[in-house]
Amino acid sequence: MTDKKGSNKRKKDITLGRVKELREIKNLTQLEFAESIDVSSNTISRIEREEMSLSSDLALKIADTYGISLDWLFYRGNEQLSPKFRANLEEAFKCIQESTSIPIRLKINKKTPSD
């Protein structure tokens, strides 16, 4: 039987793990990552050390800044790119292809680096 407190701790760990994973995927220091989302590096450090929870406002800012889905950030899916970012990327490639005579194929790997 899983107790409620243990279950909540596991969910918190998972969410915090994605923040560090994203920062590492982008090859950023805590300071660089923090500056990109307009928070202090201490905030990122505290989140990664599990001393602070990820607020919904901060999660949205991270998702918007890096074009990732909230589902990926909160381990509710494996698709890292947000639907909006994916649509914009596909539209950009379509425009490029229409303006050139060179066929461009867009292949987006659906696997995340942790798979």
C-alpha atoms as a PDB file:
ATOM      1  CA  MET A   1       0.000   0.000   0.000  1.00  0.00           C
ATOM      2  CA  THR A   2       1.365   3.414  -0.971  1.00  0.00           C
ATOM      3  CA  ASP A   3       0.907   6.159   1.547  1.00  0.00           C
ATOM      4  CA  LYS A   4      -0.243   9.536   0.334  1.00  0.00           C
ATOM      5  CA  LYS A   5       2.838  11.344   1.607  1.00  0.00           C
ATOM      6  CA  GLY A   6       5.203   8.973  -0.261  1.00  0.00           C
ATOM      7  CA  SER A   7       3.171   9.348  -3.451  1.00  0.00           C
ATOM      8  CA  ASN A   8       3.327  13.155  -3.272  1.00  0.00           C
ATOM      9  CA  LYS A   9       7.094  13.046  -2.651  1.00  0.00           C
ATOM     10  CA  ARG A  10       7.583  10.845  -5.729  1.00  0.00           C
ATOM     11  CA  LYS A  11       5.569  13.272  -7.914  1.00  0.00           C
ATOM     12  CA  LYS A  12       7.619  16.188  -6.598  1.00  0.00           C
ATOM     13  CA  ASP A  13      10.896  14.390  -7.356  1.00  0.00           C
ATOM     14  CA  ILE A  14       9.755  13.615 -10.891  1.00  0.00           C
ATOM     15  CA  THR A  15       8.771  17.228 -11.607  1.00  0.00           C
ATOM     16  CA  LEU A  16      12.018  18.585 -10.238  1.00  0.00           C
ATOM     17  CA  GLY A  17      14.000  16.059 -12.242  1.00  0.00           C
ATOM     18  CA  ARG A  18      12.667  17.428 -15.526  1.00  0.00           C
ATOM     19  CA  VAL A  19      13.844  20.951 -14.675  1.00  0.00           C
ATOM     20  CA  LYS A  20      17.401  19.754 -14.194  1.00  0.00           C
ATOM     21  CA  GLU A  21      17.125  17.459 -17.226  1.00  0.00           C
ATOM     22  CA  LEU A  22      16.000  20.343 -19.443  1.00  0.00           C
ATOM     23  CA  ARG A  23      18.792  22.591 -18.160  1.00  0.00           C
ATOM     24  CA  GLU A  24      21.331  19.878 -18.884  1.00  0.00           C
ATOM     25  CA  ILE A  25      19.866  19.155 -22.343  1.00  0.00           C
ATOM     26  CA  LYS A  26      20.291  22.843 -23.157  1.00  0.00           C
ATOM     27  CA  ASN A  27      23.833  22.694 -21.727  1.00  0.00           C
ATOM     28  CA  LEU A  28      23.199  25.634 -19.412  1.00  0.00           C
ATOM     29  CA  THR A  29      24.518  26.462 -15.985  1.00  0.00           C
ATOM     30  CA  GLN A  30      22.013  27.151 -13.249  1.00  0.00           C
ATOM     31  CA  LEU A  31      22.780  30.861 -13.621  1.00  0.00           C
ATOM     32  CA  GLU A  32      22.235  30.868 -17.394  1.00  0.00           C
ATOM     33  CA  PHE A  33      19.012  28.894 -17.061  1.00  0.00           C
ATOM     34  CA  ALA A  34      17.771  31.165 -14.270  1.00  0.00           C
ATOM     35  CA  GLU A  35      18.526  34.323 -16.253  1.00  0.00           C
ATOM     36  CA  SER A  36      16.674  32.961 -19.280  1.00  0.00           C
ATOM     37  CA  ILE A  37      13.466  32.661 -17.244  1.00  0.00           C
ATOM     38  CA  ASP A  38      14.071  35.753 -15.111  1.00  0.00           C
ATOM     39  CA  VAL A  39      14.560  34.128 -11.711  1.00  0.00           C
ATOM     40  CA  SER A  40      17.548  33.898  -9.407  1.00  0.00           C
ATOM     41  CA  SER A  41      20.047  31.094  -9.707  1.00  0.00           C
ATOM     42  CA  ASN A  42      19.265  30.369  -6.056  1.00  0.00           C
ATOM     43  CA  THR A  43      15.682  29.544  -7.109  1.00  0.00           C
ATOM     44  CA  ILE A  44      16.881  27.001  -9.659  1.00  0.00           C
ATOM     45  CA  SER A  45      19.370  25.561  -7.182  1.00  0.00           C
ATOM     46  CA  ARG A  46      16.641  25.168  -4.547  1.00  0.00           C
ATOM     47  CA  ILE A  47      14.303  23.495  -7.052  1.00  0.00           C
ATOM     48  CA  GLU A  48      16.986  21.053  -8.133  1.00  0.00           C
ATOM     49  CA  ARG A  49      17.866  20.277  -4.498  1.00  0.00           C
ATOM     50  CA  GLU A  50      14.158  19.681  -3.800  1.00  0.00           C
ATOM     51  CA  GLU A  51      13.996  22.518  -1.275  1.00  0.00           C
ATOM     52  CA  MET A  52      11.400  24.382  -3.325  1.00  0.00           C
ATOM     53  CA  SER A  53       8.454  23.287  -5.461  1.00  0.00           C
ATOM     54  CA  LEU A  54       7.970  24.328  -9.049  1.00  0.00           C
ATOM     55  CA  SER A  55       5.163  26.899  -9.170  1.00  0.00           C
ATOM     56  CA  SER A  56       2.653  26.887 -12.007  1.00  0.00           C
ATOM     57  CA  ASP A  57       3.822  30.356 -13.070  1.00  0.00           C
ATOM     58  CA  LEU A  58       7.429  29.225 -13.282  1.00  0.00           C
ATOM     59  CA  ALA A  59       6.460  26.016 -15.100  1.00  0.00           C
ATOM     60  CA  LEU A  60       4.591  28.084 -17.711  1.00  0.00           C
ATOM     61  CA  LYS A  61       7.552  30.423 -18.097  1.00  0.00           C
ATOM     62  CA  ILE A  62       9.926  27.489 -18.624  1.00  0.00           C
ATOM     63  CA  ALA A  63       7.566  25.875 -21.139  1.00  0.00           C
ATOM     64  CA  ASP A  64       7.108  29.116 -23.082  1.00  0.00           C
ATOM     65  CA  THR A  65      10.797  30.019 -23.060  1.00  0.00           C
ATOM     66  CA  TYR A  66      12.006  26.619 -24.234  1.00  0.00           C
ATOM     67  CA  GLY A  67       9.021  25.569 -26.359  1.00  0.00           C
ATOM     68  CA  ILE A  68       8.388  22.453 -24.333  1.00  0.00           C
ATOM     69  CA  SER A  69       5.087  20.917 -23.348  1.00  0.00           C
ATOM     70  CA  LEU A  70       3.858  21.089 -19.787  1.00  0.00           C
ATOM     71  CA  ASP A  71       2.987  17.412 -20.098  1.00  0.00           C
ATOM     72  CA  TRP A  72       6.671  16.642 -20.702  1.00  0.00           C
ATOM     73  CA  LEU A  73       7.779  18.903 -17.855  1.00  0.00           C
ATOM     74  CA  PHE A  74       5.412  17.145 -15.454  1.00  0.00           C
ATOM     75  CA  TYR A  75       6.098  13.615 -16.785  1.00  0.00           C
ATOM     76  CA  ARG A  76       2.613  13.291 -18.287  1.00  0.00           C
ATOM     77  CA  GLY A  77       3.892  12.569 -21.772  1.00  0.00           C
ATOM     78  CA  ASN A  78       6.981  11.904 -23.839  1.00  0.00           C
ATOM     79  CA  GLU A  79       6.488  14.649 -26.427  1.00  0.00           C
ATOM     80  CA  GLN A  80       8.980  17.341 -25.454  1.00  0.00           C
ATOM     81  CA  LEU A  81       7.967  20.057 -27.945  1.00  0.00           C
ATOM     82  CA  SER A  82       4.862  22.059 -27.169  1.00  0.00           C
ATOM     83  CA  PRO A  83       2.086  21.787 -29.765  1.00  0.00           C
ATOM     84  CA  LYS A  84       2.424  25.511 -30.520  1.00  0.00           C
ATOM     85  CA  PHE A  85       6.191  25.289 -31.023  1.00  0.00           C
ATOM     86  CA  ARG A  86       5.804  22.191 -33.211  1.00  0.00           C
ATOM     87  CA  ALA A  87       3.160  23.940 -35.369  1.00  0.00           C
ATOM     88  CA  ASN A  88       5.369  27.031 -35.740  1.00  0.00           C
ATOM     89  CA  LEU A  89       8.341  24.884 -36.701  1.00  0.00           C
ATOM     90  CA  GLU A  90       6.339  22.989 -39.304  1.00  0.00           C
ATOM     91  CA  GLU A  91       4.973  26.262 -40.728  1.00  0.00           C
ATOM     92  CA  ALA A  92       8.476  27.724 -40.949  1.00  0.00           C
ATOM     93  CA  PHE A  93       9.725  24.707 -42.875  1.00  0.00           C
ATOM     94  CA  LYS A  94       6.706  24.898 -45.165  1.00  0.00           C
ATOM     95  CA  CYS A  95       7.454  28.559 -45.947  1.00  0.00           C
ATOM     96  CA  ILE A  96      11.122  27.795 -46.606  1.00  0.00           C
ATOM     97  CA  GLN A  97      10.213  24.914 -48.864  1.00  0.00           C
ATOM     98  CA  GLU A  98       7.754  27.051 -50.841  1.00  0.00           C
ATOM     99  CA  SER A  99      10.373  29.743 -51.379  1.00  0.00           C
ATOM    100  CA  THR A 100      13.117  27.386 -52.565  1.00  0.00           C
ATOM    101  CA  SER A 101      13.308  24.688 -55.162  1.00  0.00           C
ATOM    102  CA  ILE A 102      15.080  22.375 -52.755  1.00  0.00           C
ATOM    103  CA  PRO A 103      12.768  19.901 -51.047  1.00  0.00           C
ATOM    104  CA  ILE A 104      13.079  20.019 -47.283  1.00  0.00           C
ATOM    105  CA  ARG A 105      11.950  17.140 -45.117  1.00  0.00           C
ATOM    106  CA  LEU A 106      11.133  17.802 -41.512  1.00  0.00           C
ATOM    107  CA  LYS A 107      11.754  14.906 -39.195  1.00  0.00           C
ATOM    108  CA  ILE A 108      11.203  15.495 -35.543  1.00  0.00           C
ATOM    109  CA  ASN A 109      12.411  12.782 -33.239  1.00  0.00           C
ATOM    110  CA  LYS A 110       9.619  12.031 -30.810  1.00  0.00           C
ATOM    111  CA  LYS A 111      11.958  10.459 -28.296  1.00  0.00           C
ATOM    112  CA  THR A 112      13.359  12.587 -25.519  1.00  0.00           C
ATOM    113  CA  PRO A 113      17.056  12.346 -24.681  1.00  0.00           C
ATOM    114  CA  SER A 114      16.172  10.315 -21.570  1.00  0.00           C
ATOM    115  CA  ASP A 115      14.517   7.519 -23.612  1.00  0.00           C
END
